[in-house]
């Protein structure tokens, strides 16, 4: 749930001054770092591969959120996440 909230807080940063741009990307960086640490701690990724895997997970979750919002069907988010897990794209 924290990941969903943080992704909602992320905003486009094109054309922003550097100081504002850093603030806009901070929630993204926090999520990637948190996911990477969690993947290493649970043995689902090595430290070397955790960043790439964290980016992929973040993109999958945000993508599912975007699809669900665009269809005004929040339950669709959970269905998509379950499908990603069943396909092995997300950890269980």
PDB file of N, CA and C in Angstrom:
ATOM      1  N   UNK A   1       0.815  -1.185   0.000  1.00  0.00           N
ATOM      2  CA  UNK A   1       0.000   0.000   0.000  1.00  0.00           C
ATOM      3  C   UNK A   1       0.865   1.258   0.000  1.00  0.00           C
ATOM      4  N   UNK A   2       1.970   1.216   0.750  1.00  0.00           N
ATOM      5  CA  UNK A   2       2.881   2.355   0.787  1.00  0.00           C
ATOM      6  C   UNK A   2       3.417   2.647  -0.611  1.00  0.00           C
ATOM      7  N   UNK A   3       3.715   1.610  -1.355  1.00  0.00           N
ATOM      8  CA  UNK A   3       4.224   1.784  -2.704  1.00  0.00           C
ATOM      9  C   UNK A   3       3.204   2.497  -3.577  1.00  0.00           C
ATOM     10  N   UNK A   4       1.946   2.139  -3.445  1.00  0.00           N
ATOM     11  CA  UNK A   4       0.903   2.778  -4.245  1.00  0.00           C
ATOM     12  C   UNK A   4       0.776   4.247  -3.882  1.00  0.00           C
ATOM     13  N   UNK A   5       0.820   4.552  -2.606  1.00  0.00           N
ATOM     14  CA  UNK A   5       0.707   5.934  -2.167  1.00  0.00           C
ATOM     15  C   UNK A   5       1.879   6.752  -2.681  1.00  0.00           C
ATOM     16  N   UNK A   6       3.069   6.217  -2.567  1.00  0.00           N
ATOM     17  CA  UNK A   6       4.255   6.950  -3.016  1.00  0.00           C
ATOM     18  C   UNK A   6       4.247   7.152  -4.525  1.00  0.00           C
ATOM     19  N   UNK A   7       3.772   6.182  -5.278  1.00  0.00           N
ATOM     20  CA  UNK A   7       3.738   6.357  -6.725  1.00  0.00           C
ATOM     21  C   UNK A   7       2.725   7.423  -7.104  1.00  0.00           C
ATOM     22  N   UNK A   8       1.669   7.533  -6.335  1.00  0.00           N
ATOM     23  CA  UNK A   8       0.668   8.569  -6.589  1.00  0.00           C
ATOM     24  C   UNK A   8       1.255   9.956  -6.349  1.00  0.00           C
ATOM     25  N   UNK A   9       2.183  10.045  -5.406  1.00  0.00           N
ATOM     26  CA  UNK A   9       2.799  11.322  -5.085  1.00  0.00           C
ATOM     27  C   UNK A   9       3.847  11.741  -6.112  1.00  0.00           C
ATOM     28  N   UNK A  10       4.335  10.795  -6.901  1.00  0.00           N
ATOM     29  CA  UNK A  10       5.340  11.113  -7.912  1.00  0.00           C
ATOM     30  C   UNK A  10       4.708  12.012  -8.962  1.00  0.00           C
ATOM     31  N   UNK A  11       5.489  12.930  -9.478  1.00  0.00           N
ATOM     32  CA  UNK A  11       4.951  13.853 -10.469  1.00  0.00           C
ATOM     33  C   UNK A  11       5.977  14.073 -11.574  1.00  0.00           C
ATOM     34  N   UNK A  12       5.518  14.516 -12.742  1.00  0.00           N
ATOM     35  CA  UNK A  12       6.459  14.766 -13.832  1.00  0.00           C
ATOM     36  C   UNK A  12       7.470  15.826 -13.421  1.00  0.00           C
ATOM     37  N   UNK A  13       8.712  15.652 -13.878  1.00  0.00           N
ATOM     38  CA  UNK A  13       9.753  16.594 -13.474  1.00  0.00           C
ATOM     39  C   UNK A  13      10.412  17.290 -14.664  1.00  0.00           C
ATOM     40  N   UNK A  14       9.890  17.105 -15.851  1.00  0.00           N
ATOM     41  CA  UNK A  14      10.474  17.725 -17.033  1.00  0.00           C
ATOM     42  C   UNK A  14      10.365  19.239 -16.914  1.00  0.00           C
ATOM     43  N   UNK A  15      11.492  19.905 -17.050  1.00  0.00           N
ATOM     44  CA  UNK A  15      11.500  21.362 -17.026  1.00  0.00           C
ATOM     45  C   UNK A  15      11.562  21.977 -15.641  1.00  0.00           C
ATOM     46  N   UNK A  16      11.607  21.160 -14.594  1.00  0.00           N
ATOM     47  CA  UNK A  16      11.690  21.712 -13.247  1.00  0.00           C
ATOM     48  C   UNK A  16      13.123  22.081 -12.920  1.00  0.00           C
ATOM     49  N   UNK A  17      13.316  23.126 -12.112  1.00  0.00           N
ATOM     50  CA  UNK A  17      14.666  23.415 -11.633  1.00  0.00           C
ATOM     51  C   UNK A  17      15.210  22.206 -10.865  1.00  0.00           C
ATOM     52  N   UNK A  18      16.539  22.074 -10.790  1.00  0.00           N
ATOM     53  CA  UNK A  18      17.175  20.910 -10.181  1.00  0.00           C
ATOM     54  C   UNK A  18      16.643  20.637  -8.778  1.00  0.00           C
ATOM     55  N   UNK A  19      16.507  21.647  -7.971  1.00  0.00           N
ATOM     56  CA  UNK A  19      16.041  21.457  -6.588  1.00  0.00           C
ATOM     57  C   UNK A  19      14.644  20.842  -6.552  1.00  0.00           C
ATOM     58  N   UNK A  20      13.750  21.339  -7.388  1.00  0.00           N
ATOM     59  CA  UNK A  20      12.394  20.793  -7.434  1.00  0.00           C
ATOM     60  C   UNK A  20      12.387  19.410  -8.058  1.00  0.00           C
ATOM     61  N   UNK A  21      13.235  19.193  -9.055  1.00  0.00           N
ATOM     62  CA  UNK A  21      13.319  17.897  -9.709  1.00  0.00           C
ATOM     63  C   UNK A  21      13.732  16.818  -8.712  1.00  0.00           C
ATOM     64  N   UNK A  22      14.674  17.122  -7.833  1.00  0.00           N
ATOM     65  CA  UNK A  22      15.115  16.163  -6.829  1.00  0.00           C
ATOM     66  C   UNK A  22      13.975  15.818  -5.881  1.00  0.00           C
ATOM     67  N   UNK A  23      13.167  16.800  -5.526  1.00  0.00           N
ATOM     68  CA  UNK A  23      12.018  16.545  -4.659  1.00  0.00           C
ATOM     69  C   UNK A  23      10.969  15.693  -5.339  1.00  0.00           C
ATOM     70  N   UNK A  24      10.809  15.879  -6.646  1.00  0.00           N
ATOM     71  CA  UNK A  24       9.808  15.118  -7.393  1.00  0.00           C
ATOM     72  C   UNK A  24      10.214  13.661  -7.557  1.00  0.00           C
ATOM     73  N   UNK A  25      11.508  13.384  -7.640  1.00  0.00           N
ATOM     74  CA  UNK A  25      11.962  12.009  -7.836  1.00  0.00           C
ATOM     75  C   UNK A  25      12.246  11.295  -6.524  1.00  0.00           C
ATOM     76  N   UNK A  26      12.196  12.010  -5.431  1.00  0.00           N
ATOM     77  CA  UNK A  26      12.507  11.406  -4.131  1.00  0.00           C
ATOM     78  C   UNK A  26      11.611  10.217  -3.792  1.00  0.00           C
ATOM     79  N   UNK A  27      10.285  10.303  -3.939  1.00  0.00           N
ATOM     80  CA  UNK A  27       9.455   9.129  -3.624  1.00  0.00           C
ATOM     81  C   UNK A  27       9.820   7.920  -4.479  1.00  0.00           C
ATOM     82  N   UNK A  28      10.153   8.141  -5.735  1.00  0.00           N
ATOM     83  CA  UNK A  28      10.568   7.049  -6.617  1.00  0.00           C
ATOM     84  C   UNK A  28      11.838   6.397  -6.077  1.00  0.00           C
ATOM     85  N   UNK A  29      12.829   7.210  -5.762  1.00  0.00           N
ATOM     86  CA  UNK A  29      14.099   6.691  -5.256  1.00  0.00           C
ATOM     87  C   UNK A  29      13.916   5.946  -3.937  1.00  0.00           C
ATOM     88  N   UNK A  30      13.060   6.447  -3.076  1.00  0.00           N
ATOM     89  CA  UNK A  30      12.782   5.788  -1.796  1.00  0.00           C
ATOM     90  C   UNK A  30      12.166   4.416  -2.033  1.00  0.00           C
ATOM     91  N   UNK A  31      11.225   4.340  -2.954  1.00  0.00           N
ATOM     92  CA  UNK A  31      10.572   3.051  -3.258  1.00  0.00           C
ATOM     93  C   UNK A  31      11.547   2.047  -3.840  1.00  0.00           C
ATOM     94  N   UNK A  32      12.376   2.475  -4.768  1.00  0.00           N
ATOM     95  CA  UNK A  32      13.333   1.570  -5.393  1.00  0.00           C
ATOM     96  C   UNK A  32      14.320   1.051  -4.346  1.00  0.00           C
ATOM     97  N   UNK A  33      14.825   1.938  -3.509  1.00  0.00           N
ATOM     98  CA  UNK A  33      15.769   1.525  -2.462  1.00  0.00           C
ATOM     99  C   UNK A  33      15.116   0.549  -1.490  1.00  0.00           C
ATOM    100  N   UNK A  34      13.878   0.844  -1.085  1.00  0.00           N
ATOM    101  CA  UNK A  34      13.161  -0.019  -0.139  1.00  0.00           C
ATOM    102  C   UNK A  34      12.921  -1.402  -0.754  1.00  0.00           C
ATOM    103  N   UNK A  35      12.458  -1.418  -1.993  1.00  0.00           N
ATOM    104  CA  UNK A  35      12.218  -2.699  -2.667  1.00  0.00           C
ATOM    105  C   UNK A  35      13.515  -3.489  -2.825  1.00  0.00           C
ATOM    106  N   UNK A  36      14.589  -2.812  -3.198  1.00  0.00           N
ATOM    107  CA  UNK A  36      15.873  -3.488  -3.346  1.00  0.00           C
ATOM    108  C   UNK A  36      16.332  -4.134  -2.052  1.00  0.00           C
ATOM    109  N   UNK A  37      16.218  -3.412  -0.950  1.00  0.00           N
ATOM    110  CA  UNK A  37      16.601  -3.963   0.357  1.00  0.00           C
ATOM    111  C   UNK A  37      15.724  -5.149   0.732  1.00  0.00           C
ATOM    112  N   UNK A  38      14.443  -5.044   0.455  1.00  0.00           N
ATOM    113  CA  UNK A  38      13.510  -6.120   0.768  1.00  0.00           C
ATOM    114  C   UNK A  38      13.825  -7.375  -0.056  1.00  0.00           C
ATOM    115  N   UNK A  39      14.144  -7.201  -1.320  1.00  0.00           N
ATOM    116  CA  UNK A  39      14.481  -8.337  -2.172  1.00  0.00           C
ATOM    117  C   UNK A  39      15.734  -9.051  -1.678  1.00  0.00           C
ATOM    118  N   UNK A  40      16.728  -8.284  -1.243  1.00  0.00           N
ATOM    119  CA  UNK A  40      17.958  -8.882  -0.722  1.00  0.00           C
ATOM    120  C   UNK A  40      17.682  -9.576   0.608  1.00  0.00           C
ATOM    121  N   UNK A  41      16.938  -8.913   1.483  1.00  0.00           N
ATOM    122  CA  UNK A  41      16.649  -9.467   2.810  1.00  0.00           C
ATOM    123  C   UNK A  41      15.863 -10.766   2.743  1.00  0.00           C
ATOM    124  N   UNK A  42      15.009 -10.900   1.742  1.00  0.00           N
ATOM    125  CA  UNK A  42      14.198 -12.113   1.616  1.00  0.00           C
ATOM    126  C   UNK A  42      14.865 -13.158   0.720  1.00  0.00           C
ATOM    127  N   UNK A  43      16.060 -12.851   0.225  1.00  0.00           N
ATOM    128  CA  UNK A  43      16.787 -13.808  -0.599  1.00  0.00           C
ATOM    129  C   UNK A  43      16.253 -13.958  -2.018  1.00  0.00           C
ATOM    130  N   UNK A  44      15.458 -13.003  -2.468  1.00  0.00           N
ATOM    131  CA  UNK A  44      14.878 -13.093  -3.809  1.00  0.00           C
ATOM    132  C   UNK A  44      15.737 -12.429  -4.867  1.00  0.00           C
ATOM    133  N   UNK A  45      16.797 -11.734  -4.420  1.00  0.00           N
ATOM    134  CA  UNK A  45      17.730 -11.105  -5.360  1.00  0.00           C
ATOM    135  C   UNK A  45      19.046 -10.865  -4.638  1.00  0.00           C
ATOM    136  N   UNK A  46      20.113 -10.841  -5.405  1.00  0.00           N
ATOM    137  CA  UNK A  46      21.409 -10.474  -4.838  1.00  0.00           C
ATOM    138  C   UNK A  46      21.479  -8.949  -4.793  1.00  0.00           C
ATOM    139  N   UNK A  47      22.444  -8.443  -4.069  1.00  0.00           N
ATOM    140  CA  UNK A  47      22.612  -6.990  -3.996  1.00  0.00           C
ATOM    141  C   UNK A  47      22.858  -6.406  -5.389  1.00  0.00           C
ATOM    142  N   UNK A  48      23.588  -7.140  -6.208  1.00  0.00           N
ATOM    143  CA  UNK A  48      23.909  -6.657  -7.550  1.00  0.00           C
ATOM    144  C   UNK A  48      22.681  -6.567  -8.459  1.00  0.00           C
ATOM    145  N   UNK A  49      21.744  -7.480  -8.302  1.00  0.00           N
ATOM    146  CA  UNK A  49      20.577  -7.492  -9.187  1.00  0.00           C
ATOM    147  C   UNK A  49      19.345  -6.841  -8.566  1.00  0.00           C
ATOM    148  N   UNK A  50      19.418  -6.451  -7.316  1.00  0.00           N
ATOM    149  CA  UNK A  50      18.230  -5.944  -6.618  1.00  0.00           C
ATOM    150  C   UNK A  50      17.695  -4.643  -7.213  1.00  0.00           C
ATOM    151  N   UNK A  51      18.572  -3.780  -7.687  1.00  0.00           N
ATOM    152  CA  UNK A  51      18.114  -2.512  -8.255  1.00  0.00           C
ATOM    153  C   UNK A  51      17.295  -2.708  -9.514  1.00  0.00           C
ATOM    154  N   UNK A  52      17.766  -3.569 -10.389  1.00  0.00           N
ATOM    155  CA  UNK A  52      17.048  -3.844 -11.641  1.00  0.00           C
ATOM    156  C   UNK A  52      15.703  -4.493 -11.344  1.00  0.00           C
ATOM    157  N   UNK A  53      15.722  -5.444 -10.438  1.00  0.00           N
ATOM    158  CA  UNK A  53      14.474  -6.139 -10.076  1.00  0.00           C
ATOM    159  C   UNK A  53      13.498  -5.184  -9.395  1.00  0.00           C
ATOM    160  N   UNK A  54      14.017  -4.295  -8.537  1.00  0.00           N
ATOM    161  CA  UNK A  54      13.158  -3.313  -7.858  1.00  0.00           C
ATOM    162  C   UNK A  54      12.504  -2.373  -8.864  1.00  0.00           C
ATOM    163  N   UNK A  55      13.257  -1.925  -9.863  1.00  0.00           N
ATOM    164  CA  UNK A  55      12.681  -1.073 -10.910  1.00  0.00           C
ATOM    165  C   UNK A  55      11.565  -1.799 -11.655  1.00  0.00           C
ATOM    166  N   UNK A  56      11.779  -3.066 -11.961  1.00  0.00           N
ATOM    167  CA  UNK A  56      10.766  -3.840 -12.689  1.00  0.00           C
ATOM    168  C   UNK A  56       9.498  -4.014 -11.867  1.00  0.00           C
ATOM    169  N   UNK A  57       9.661  -4.295 -10.586  1.00  0.00           N
ATOM    170  CA  UNK A  57       8.497  -4.458  -9.707  1.00  0.00           C
ATOM    171  C   UNK A  57       7.746  -3.146  -9.586  1.00  0.00           C
ATOM    172  N   UNK A  58       8.479  -2.072  -9.382  1.00  0.00           N
ATOM    173  CA  UNK A  58       7.849  -0.754  -9.261  1.00  0.00           C
ATOM    174  C   UNK A  58       7.051  -0.436 -10.523  1.00  0.00           C
ATOM    175  N   UNK A  59       7.647  -0.678 -11.686  1.00  0.00           N
ATOM    176  CA  UNK A  59       6.956  -0.401 -12.945  1.00  0.00           C
ATOM    177  C   UNK A  59       5.694  -1.247 -13.094  1.00  0.00           C
ATOM    178  N   UNK A  60       5.770  -2.511 -12.685  1.00  0.00           N
ATOM    179  CA  UNK A  60       4.602  -3.395 -12.781  1.00  0.00           C
ATOM    180  C   UNK A  60       3.469  -2.903 -11.885  1.00  0.00           C
ATOM    181  N   UNK A  61       3.798  -2.527 -10.664  1.00  0.00           N
ATOM    182  CA  UNK A  61       2.771  -2.077  -9.717  1.00  0.00           C
ATOM    183  C   UNK A  61       2.156  -0.756 -10.172  1.00  0.00           C
ATOM    184  N   UNK A  62       2.982   0.175 -10.597  1.00  0.00           N
ATOM    185  CA  UNK A  62       2.465   1.460 -11.064  1.00  0.00           C
ATOM    186  C   UNK A  62       1.651   1.275 -12.339  1.00  0.00           C
ATOM    187  N   UNK A  63       2.093   0.376 -13.212  1.00  0.00           N
ATOM    188  CA  UNK A  63       1.326   0.097 -14.431  1.00  0.00           C
ATOM    189  C   UNK A  63      -0.041  -0.486 -14.120  1.00  0.00           C
ATOM    190  N   UNK A  64      -0.086  -1.410 -13.172  1.00  0.00           N
ATOM    191  CA  UNK A  64      -1.374  -1.992 -12.768  1.00  0.00           C
ATOM    192  C   UNK A  64      -2.278  -0.919 -12.170  1.00  0.00           C
ATOM    193  N   UNK A  65      -1.676  -0.026 -11.409  1.00  0.00           N
ATOM    194  CA  UNK A  65      -2.446   1.067 -10.816  1.00  0.00           C
ATOM    195  C   UNK A  65      -3.010   1.981 -11.906  1.00  0.00           C
ATOM    196  N   UNK A  66      -2.205   2.290 -12.893  1.00  0.00           N
ATOM    197  CA  UNK A  66      -2.640   3.158 -13.981  1.00  0.00           C
ATOM    198  C   UNK A  66      -3.791   2.529 -14.768  1.00  0.00           C
ATOM    199  N   UNK A  67      -3.672   1.247 -15.077  1.00  0.00           N
ATOM    200  CA  UNK A  67      -4.740   0.549 -15.809  1.00  0.00           C
ATOM    201  C   UNK A  67      -6.029   0.544 -14.985  1.00  0.00           C
ATOM    202  N   UNK A  68      -5.924   0.231 -13.708  1.00  0.00           N
ATOM    203  CA  UNK A  68      -7.109   0.181 -12.852  1.00  0.00           C
ATOM    204  C   UNK A  68      -7.780   1.551 -12.750  1.00  0.00           C
ATOM    205  N   UNK A  69      -6.977   2.581 -12.590  1.00  0.00           N
ATOM    206  CA  UNK A  69      -7.549   3.935 -12.513  1.00  0.00           C
ATOM    207  C   UNK A  69      -8.198   4.342 -13.818  1.00  0.00           C
ATOM    208  N   UNK A  70      -7.575   4.009 -14.942  1.00  0.00           N
ATOM    209  CA  UNK A  70      -8.123   4.413 -16.233  1.00  0.00           C
ATOM    210  C   UNK A  70      -9.460   3.736 -16.518  1.00  0.00           C
ATOM    211  N   UNK A  71      -9.699   2.610 -15.875  1.00  0.00           N
ATOM    212  CA  UNK A  71     -10.963   1.897 -16.057  1.00  0.00           C
ATOM    213  C   UNK A  71     -11.907   2.090 -14.877  1.00  0.00           C
ATOM    214  N   UNK A  72     -11.485   2.911 -13.898  1.00  0.00           N
ATOM    215  CA  UNK A  72     -12.289   3.160 -12.699  1.00  0.00           C
ATOM    216  C   UNK A  72     -12.692   1.852 -12.030  1.00  0.00           C
ATOM    217  N   UNK A  73     -11.721   0.931 -11.934  1.00  0.00           N
ATOM    218  CA  UNK A  73     -11.978  -0.391 -11.366  1.00  0.00           C
ATOM    219  C   UNK A  73     -10.797  -0.781 -10.482  1.00  0.00           C
ATOM    220  N   UNK A  74     -10.854  -0.392  -9.218  1.00  0.00           N
ATOM    221  CA  UNK A  74      -9.735  -0.620  -8.311  1.00  0.00           C
ATOM    222  C   UNK A  74      -9.469  -2.108  -8.093  1.00  0.00           C
ATOM    223  N   UNK A  75     -10.487  -2.933  -8.206  1.00  0.00           N
ATOM    224  CA  UNK A  75     -10.299  -4.378  -8.052  1.00  0.00           C
ATOM    225  C   UNK A  75      -9.430  -4.943  -9.172  1.00  0.00           C
ATOM    226  N   UNK A  76      -9.418  -4.268 -10.308  1.00  0.00           N
ATOM    227  CA  UNK A  76      -8.587  -4.709 -11.425  1.00  0.00           C
ATOM    228  C   UNK A  76      -7.102  -4.672 -11.051  1.00  0.00           C
ATOM    229  N   UNK A  77      -6.719  -3.729 -10.208  1.00  0.00           N
ATOM    230  CA  UNK A  77      -5.324  -3.649  -9.749  1.00  0.00           C
ATOM    231  C   UNK A  77      -4.914  -4.957  -9.090  1.00  0.00           C
ATOM    232  N   UNK A  78      -5.720  -5.425  -8.159  1.00  0.00           N
ATOM    233  CA  UNK A  78      -5.404  -6.667  -7.452  1.00  0.00           C
ATOM    234  C   UNK A  78      -5.354  -7.857  -8.405  1.00  0.00           C
ATOM    235  N   UNK A  79      -6.258  -7.884  -9.371  1.00  0.00           N
ATOM    236  CA  UNK A  79      -6.277  -8.961 -10.353  1.00  0.00           C
ATOM    237  C   UNK A  79      -4.994  -8.961 -11.181  1.00  0.00           C
ATOM    238  N   UNK A  80      -4.576  -7.788 -11.627  1.00  0.00           N
ATOM    239  CA  UNK A  80      -3.348  -7.686 -12.408  1.00  0.00           C
ATOM    240  C   UNK A  80      -2.128  -8.115 -11.595  1.00  0.00           C
ATOM    241  N   UNK A  81      -2.053  -7.681 -10.342  1.00  0.00           N
ATOM    242  CA  UNK A  81      -0.932  -8.059  -9.476  1.00  0.00           C
ATOM    243  C   UNK A  81      -0.922  -9.571  -9.273  1.00  0.00           C
ATOM    244  N   UNK A  82      -2.084 -10.157  -9.041  1.00  0.00           N
ATOM    245  CA  UNK A  82      -2.163 -11.619  -8.901  1.00  0.00           C
ATOM    246  C   UNK A  82      -1.691 -12.321 -10.178  1.00  0.00           C
ATOM    247  N   UNK A  83      -2.063 -11.771 -11.331  1.00  0.00           N
ATOM    248  CA  UNK A  83      -1.632 -12.349 -12.607  1.00  0.00           C
ATOM    249  C   UNK A  83      -0.120 -12.224 -12.797  1.00  0.00           C
ATOM    250  N   UNK A  84       0.449 -11.093 -12.405  1.00  0.00           N
ATOM    251  CA  UNK A  84       1.897 -10.912 -12.484  1.00  0.00           C
ATOM    252  C   UNK A  84       2.603 -11.950 -11.610  1.00  0.00           C
ATOM    253  N   UNK A  85       2.063 -12.181 -10.418  1.00  0.00           N
ATOM    254  CA  UNK A  85       2.665 -13.175  -9.512  1.00  0.00           C
ATOM    255  C   UNK A  85       2.553 -14.574 -10.104  1.00  0.00           C
ATOM    256  N   UNK A  86       1.398 -14.911 -10.639  1.00  0.00           N
ATOM    257  CA  UNK A  86       1.191 -16.243 -11.220  1.00  0.00           C
ATOM    258  C   UNK A  86       2.140 -16.484 -12.394  1.00  0.00           C
ATOM    259  N   UNK A  87       2.457 -15.439 -13.127  1.00  0.00           N
ATOM    260  CA  UNK A  87       3.365 -15.554 -14.267  1.00  0.00           C
ATOM    261  C   UNK A  87       4.840 -15.518 -13.838  1.00  0.00           C
ATOM    262  N   UNK A  88       5.085 -15.274 -12.546  1.00  0.00           N
ATOM    263  CA  UNK A  88       6.454 -15.238 -12.043  1.00  0.00           C
ATOM    264  C   UNK A  88       7.138 -13.901 -12.194  1.00  0.00           C
ATOM    265  N   UNK A  89       6.381 -12.880 -12.579  1.00  0.00           N
ATOM    266  CA  UNK A  89       6.961 -11.549 -12.773  1.00  0.00           C
ATOM    267  C   UNK A  89       7.147 -10.806 -11.448  1.00  0.00           C
ATOM    268  N   UNK A  90       6.350 -11.138 -10.475  1.00  0.00           N
ATOM    269  CA  UNK A  90       6.457 -10.530  -9.140  1.00  0.00           C
ATOM    270  C   UNK A  90       6.628 -11.631  -8.105  1.00  0.00           C
ATOM    271  N   UNK A  91       7.348 -11.334  -7.023  1.00  0.00           N
ATOM    272  CA  UNK A  91       7.498 -12.330  -5.963  1.00  0.00           C
ATOM    273  C   UNK A  91       6.171 -12.579  -5.248  1.00  0.00           C
ATOM    274  N   UNK A  92       6.058 -13.751  -4.684  1.00  0.00           N
ATOM    275  CA  UNK A  92       4.841 -14.095  -3.938  1.00  0.00           C
ATOM    276  C   UNK A  92       4.937 -13.643  -2.510  1.00  0.00           C
TER     277      UNK A  92
END
